[in-house]
Amino acid sequence: QVQLAESGGGSVQAGGSLRLSCAASGRTVSFLSMAWFRQVLGKEREFVAASSWGYGYTDYADSVKGRFTISRDNTKNTVYLQMNSLKPEDTAVYYCAARPSATMSLGVASSYDYWGQGTQVTVSS
């Protein structure tokens, strides 16, 4: 069983930056594909970024490419999402997700086995 705990959310003005953290326990992230999704109330969960274990492959939603960066620190068993140049449309609850598979499409929410509780990010104009 894997437990995920997000932190780092908050309120920021447009153009600002935040770094989200996802601390994992129960299994090392070295052997987990890790992802970030976000959700606005009343809308479907949306893929943001992901990192595949073993291949070193990352993927990003078009809406965040060039602004967000996913990274992992295996020594801390933690994955990060650095968010720069934030926009009001980035406002959402951000969820960390994990799965053992490295080969399935990274952007499919249903392919992830473990989820955190989420952290709120609010970007004001």
C-alpha atoms as a PDB file:
ATOM      1  CA  GLN A   1       0.000   0.000   0.000  1.00  0.00           C
ATOM      2  CA  VAL A   2       1.228   3.468  -0.889  1.00  0.00           C
ATOM      3  CA  GLN A   3       0.253   6.618   0.972  1.00  0.00           C
ATOM      4  CA  LEU A   4       0.661  10.011  -0.649  1.00  0.00           C
ATOM      5  CA  ALA A   5       0.586  13.371   1.101  1.00  0.00           C
ATOM      6  CA  GLU A   6       0.574  16.634  -0.826  1.00  0.00           C
ATOM      7  CA  SER A   7       1.698  19.977   0.536  1.00  0.00           C
ATOM      8  CA  GLY A   8       2.699  23.381  -0.733  1.00  0.00           C
ATOM      9  CA  GLY A   9      -0.592  24.684  -1.996  1.00  0.00           C
ATOM     10  CA  GLY A  10      -1.793  28.192  -1.260  1.00  0.00           C
ATOM     11  CA  SER A  11      -2.816  31.504  -2.731  1.00  0.00           C
ATOM     12  CA  VAL A  12      -0.660  33.481  -5.129  1.00  0.00           C
ATOM     13  CA  GLN A  13      -1.077  36.296  -7.583  1.00  0.00           C
ATOM     14  CA  ALA A  14      -0.922  35.725 -11.315  1.00  0.00           C
ATOM     15  CA  GLY A  15       2.662  35.438 -12.505  1.00  0.00           C
ATOM     16  CA  GLY A  16       3.810  33.987  -9.212  1.00  0.00           C
ATOM     17  CA  SER A  17       5.212  30.563  -8.371  1.00  0.00           C
ATOM     18  CA  LEU A  18       4.459  27.670  -6.069  1.00  0.00           C
ATOM     19  CA  ARG A  19       6.100  24.330  -5.484  1.00  0.00           C
ATOM     20  CA  LEU A  20       3.926  21.390  -4.560  1.00  0.00           C
ATOM     21  CA  SER A  21       5.371  18.365  -2.796  1.00  0.00           C
ATOM     22  CA  CYS A  22       4.088  14.812  -2.680  1.00  0.00           C
ATOM     23  CA  ALA A  23       5.635  12.661   0.016  1.00  0.00           C
ATOM     24  CA  ALA A  24       5.209   8.929  -0.493  1.00  0.00           C
ATOM     25  CA  SER A  25       5.313   6.152   2.064  1.00  0.00           C
ATOM     26  CA  GLY A  26       4.928   2.404   1.761  1.00  0.00           C
ATOM     27  CA  ARG A  27       7.002   2.108  -1.399  1.00  0.00           C
ATOM     28  CA  THR A  28       9.932   3.921  -2.874  1.00  0.00           C
ATOM     29  CA  VAL A  29       9.098   6.380  -5.648  1.00  0.00           C
ATOM     30  CA  SER A  30      12.074   4.992  -7.558  1.00  0.00           C
ATOM     31  CA  PHE A  31       9.749   2.221  -8.727  1.00  0.00           C
ATOM     32  CA  LEU A  32       6.585   4.258  -9.144  1.00  0.00           C
ATOM     33  CA  SER A  33       5.279   6.365 -11.965  1.00  0.00           C
ATOM     34  CA  MET A  34       4.149   9.602 -10.401  1.00  0.00           C
ATOM     35  CA  ALA A  35       1.722  12.204 -11.672  1.00  0.00           C
ATOM     36  CA  TRP A  36      -0.095  15.390 -10.820  1.00  0.00           C
ATOM     37  CA  PHE A  37      -3.711  15.984 -11.708  1.00  0.00           C
ATOM     38  CA  ARG A  38      -5.978  18.878 -10.884  1.00  0.00           C
ATOM     39  CA  GLN A  39      -9.682  19.340 -10.492  1.00  0.00           C
ATOM     40  CA  VAL A  40     -12.045  22.261 -10.378  1.00  0.00           C
ATOM     41  CA  LEU A  41     -15.352  21.764  -8.603  1.00  0.00           C
ATOM     42  CA  GLY A  42     -17.901  20.430 -11.051  1.00  0.00           C
ATOM     43  CA  LYS A  43     -15.338  19.445 -13.670  1.00  0.00           C
ATOM     44  CA  GLU A  44     -13.433  16.262 -14.439  1.00  0.00           C
ATOM     45  CA  ARG A  45      -9.996  15.627 -13.053  1.00  0.00           C
ATOM     46  CA  GLU A  46      -7.393  16.949 -15.478  1.00  0.00           C
ATOM     47  CA  PHE A  47      -3.908  15.640 -16.193  1.00  0.00           C
ATOM     48  CA  VAL A  48      -1.109  18.101 -15.410  1.00  0.00           C
ATOM     49  CA  ALA A  49       2.263  16.312 -15.424  1.00  0.00           C
ATOM     50  CA  ALA A  50       3.795  12.885 -14.923  1.00  0.00           C
ATOM     51  CA  SER A  51       7.104  11.132 -14.522  1.00  0.00           C
ATOM     52  CA  SER A  52       7.634   7.501 -15.474  1.00  0.00           C
ATOM     53  CA  TRP A  53      10.019   5.394 -13.436  1.00  0.00           C
ATOM     54  CA  GLY A  54      12.738   3.455 -15.171  1.00  0.00           C
ATOM     55  CA  TYR A  55      12.596   5.351 -18.447  1.00  0.00           C
ATOM     56  CA  GLY A  56      13.086   8.858 -17.109  1.00  0.00           C
ATOM     57  CA  TYR A  57      10.194   9.985 -19.272  1.00  0.00           C
ATOM     58  CA  THR A  58       8.038  12.982 -18.416  1.00  0.00           C
ATOM     59  CA  ASP A  59       4.844  14.299 -19.916  1.00  0.00           C
ATOM     60  CA  TYR A  60       2.927  17.535 -19.529  1.00  0.00           C
ATOM     61  CA  ALA A  61      -0.459  18.877 -20.428  1.00  0.00           C
ATOM     62  CA  ASP A  62      -0.226  21.439 -23.209  1.00  0.00           C
ATOM     63  CA  SER A  63      -1.676  24.079 -20.904  1.00  0.00           C
ATOM     64  CA  VAL A  64       1.293  23.874 -18.521  1.00  0.00           C
ATOM     65  CA  LYS A  65       4.221  23.103 -20.834  1.00  0.00           C
ATOM     66  CA  GLY A  66       7.058  25.542 -20.307  1.00  0.00           C
ATOM     67  CA  ARG A  67       5.621  26.702 -16.978  1.00  0.00           C
ATOM     68  CA  PHE A  68       5.433  23.581 -14.780  1.00  0.00           C
ATOM     69  CA  THR A  69       8.158  21.065 -14.035  1.00  0.00           C
ATOM     70  CA  ILE A  70       7.801  17.682 -12.375  1.00  0.00           C
ATOM     71  CA  SER A  71      10.780  16.252 -10.547  1.00  0.00           C
ATOM     72  CA  ARG A  72      11.534  13.629  -7.951  1.00  0.00           C
ATOM     73  CA  ASP A  73      13.962  13.230  -5.077  1.00  0.00           C
ATOM     74  CA  ASN A  74      14.353   9.527  -4.493  1.00  0.00           C
ATOM     75  CA  THR A  75      16.370  10.115  -1.313  1.00  0.00           C
ATOM     76  CA  LYS A  76      13.386  11.919   0.216  1.00  0.00           C
ATOM     77  CA  ASN A  77      10.810   9.696  -1.493  1.00  0.00           C
ATOM     78  CA  THR A  78       9.146  12.863  -2.700  1.00  0.00           C
ATOM     79  CA  VAL A  79       7.893  14.213  -6.009  1.00  0.00           C
ATOM     80  CA  TYR A  80       7.590  17.901  -6.741  1.00  0.00           C
ATOM     81  CA  LEU A  81       5.647  20.109  -9.084  1.00  0.00           C
ATOM     82  CA  GLN A  82       7.288  23.466  -9.646  1.00  0.00           C
ATOM     83  CA  MET A  83       4.697  25.882 -10.993  1.00  0.00           C
ATOM     84  CA  ASN A  84       5.862  29.158 -12.497  1.00  0.00           C
ATOM     85  CA  SER A  85       4.053  31.957 -14.315  1.00  0.00           C
ATOM     86  CA  LEU A  86       0.817  30.913 -12.682  1.00  0.00           C
ATOM     87  CA  LYS A  87      -2.467  31.957 -14.228  1.00  0.00           C
ATOM     88  CA  PRO A  88      -5.953  32.261 -12.699  1.00  0.00           C
ATOM     89  CA  GLU A  89      -7.006  29.250 -14.785  1.00  0.00           C
ATOM     90  CA  ASP A  90      -4.479  27.140 -12.846  1.00  0.00           C
ATOM     91  CA  THR A  91      -6.716  27.479  -9.795  1.00  0.00           C
ATOM     92  CA  ALA A  92      -7.763  23.990  -8.710  1.00  0.00           C
ATOM     93  CA  VAL A  93      -7.234  21.243  -6.180  1.00  0.00           C
ATOM     94  CA  TYR A  94      -4.024  19.460  -7.140  1.00  0.00           C
ATOM     95  CA  TYR A  95      -3.708  15.726  -6.559  1.00  0.00           C
ATOM     96  CA  CYS A  96      -0.662  13.515  -6.528  1.00  0.00           C
ATOM     97  CA  ALA A  97      -1.045  10.013  -7.984  1.00  0.00           C
ATOM     98  CA  ALA A  98       1.146   6.927  -8.224  1.00  0.00           C
ATOM     99  CA  ARG A  99       1.198   3.527  -9.896  1.00  0.00           C
ATOM    100  CA  PRO A 100       3.714   0.711 -10.410  1.00  0.00           C
ATOM    101  CA  SER A 101       3.311   0.587 -14.199  1.00  0.00           C
ATOM    102  CA  ALA A 102       5.840   2.461 -16.307  1.00  0.00           C
ATOM    103  CA  THR A 103       4.402   1.532 -19.684  1.00  0.00           C
ATOM    104  CA  MET A 104       0.807   2.713 -19.713  1.00  0.00           C
ATOM    105  CA  SER A 105      -0.134   6.182 -20.865  1.00  0.00           C
ATOM    106  CA  LEU A 106       0.889   8.642 -18.179  1.00  0.00           C
ATOM    107  CA  GLY A 107      -2.050  10.980 -18.628  1.00  0.00           C
ATOM    108  CA  VAL A 108      -4.898   8.590 -17.825  1.00  0.00           C
ATOM    109  CA  ALA A 109      -6.246   9.131 -14.321  1.00  0.00           C
ATOM    110  CA  SER A 110      -7.872   5.705 -14.121  1.00  0.00           C
ATOM    111  CA  SER A 111      -4.472   4.028 -14.602  1.00  0.00           C
ATOM    112  CA  TYR A 112      -3.244   5.277 -11.225  1.00  0.00           C
ATOM    113  CA  ASP A 113      -3.697   3.131  -8.154  1.00  0.00           C
ATOM    114  CA  TYR A 114      -2.903   5.563  -5.370  1.00  0.00           C
ATOM    115  CA  TRP A 115      -4.024   9.124  -4.724  1.00  0.00           C
ATOM    116  CA  GLY A 116      -3.341  11.832  -2.207  1.00  0.00           C
ATOM    117  CA  GLN A 117      -5.959  14.000  -0.544  1.00  0.00           C
ATOM    118  CA  GLY A 118      -5.221  17.054  -2.636  1.00  0.00           C
ATOM    119  CA  THR A 119      -3.968  20.568  -1.988  1.00  0.00           C
ATOM    120  CA  GLN A 120      -5.696  23.774  -3.028  1.00  0.00           C
ATOM    121  CA  VAL A 121      -3.965  26.208  -5.365  1.00  0.00           C
ATOM    122  CA  THR A 122      -5.617  29.594  -5.891  1.00  0.00           C
ATOM    123  CA  VAL A 123      -4.265  32.117  -8.379  1.00  0.00           C
ATOM    124  CA  SER A 124      -5.745  35.595  -8.307  1.00  0.00           C
ATOM    125  CA  SER A 125      -5.614  38.087 -11.146  1.00  0.00           C
END
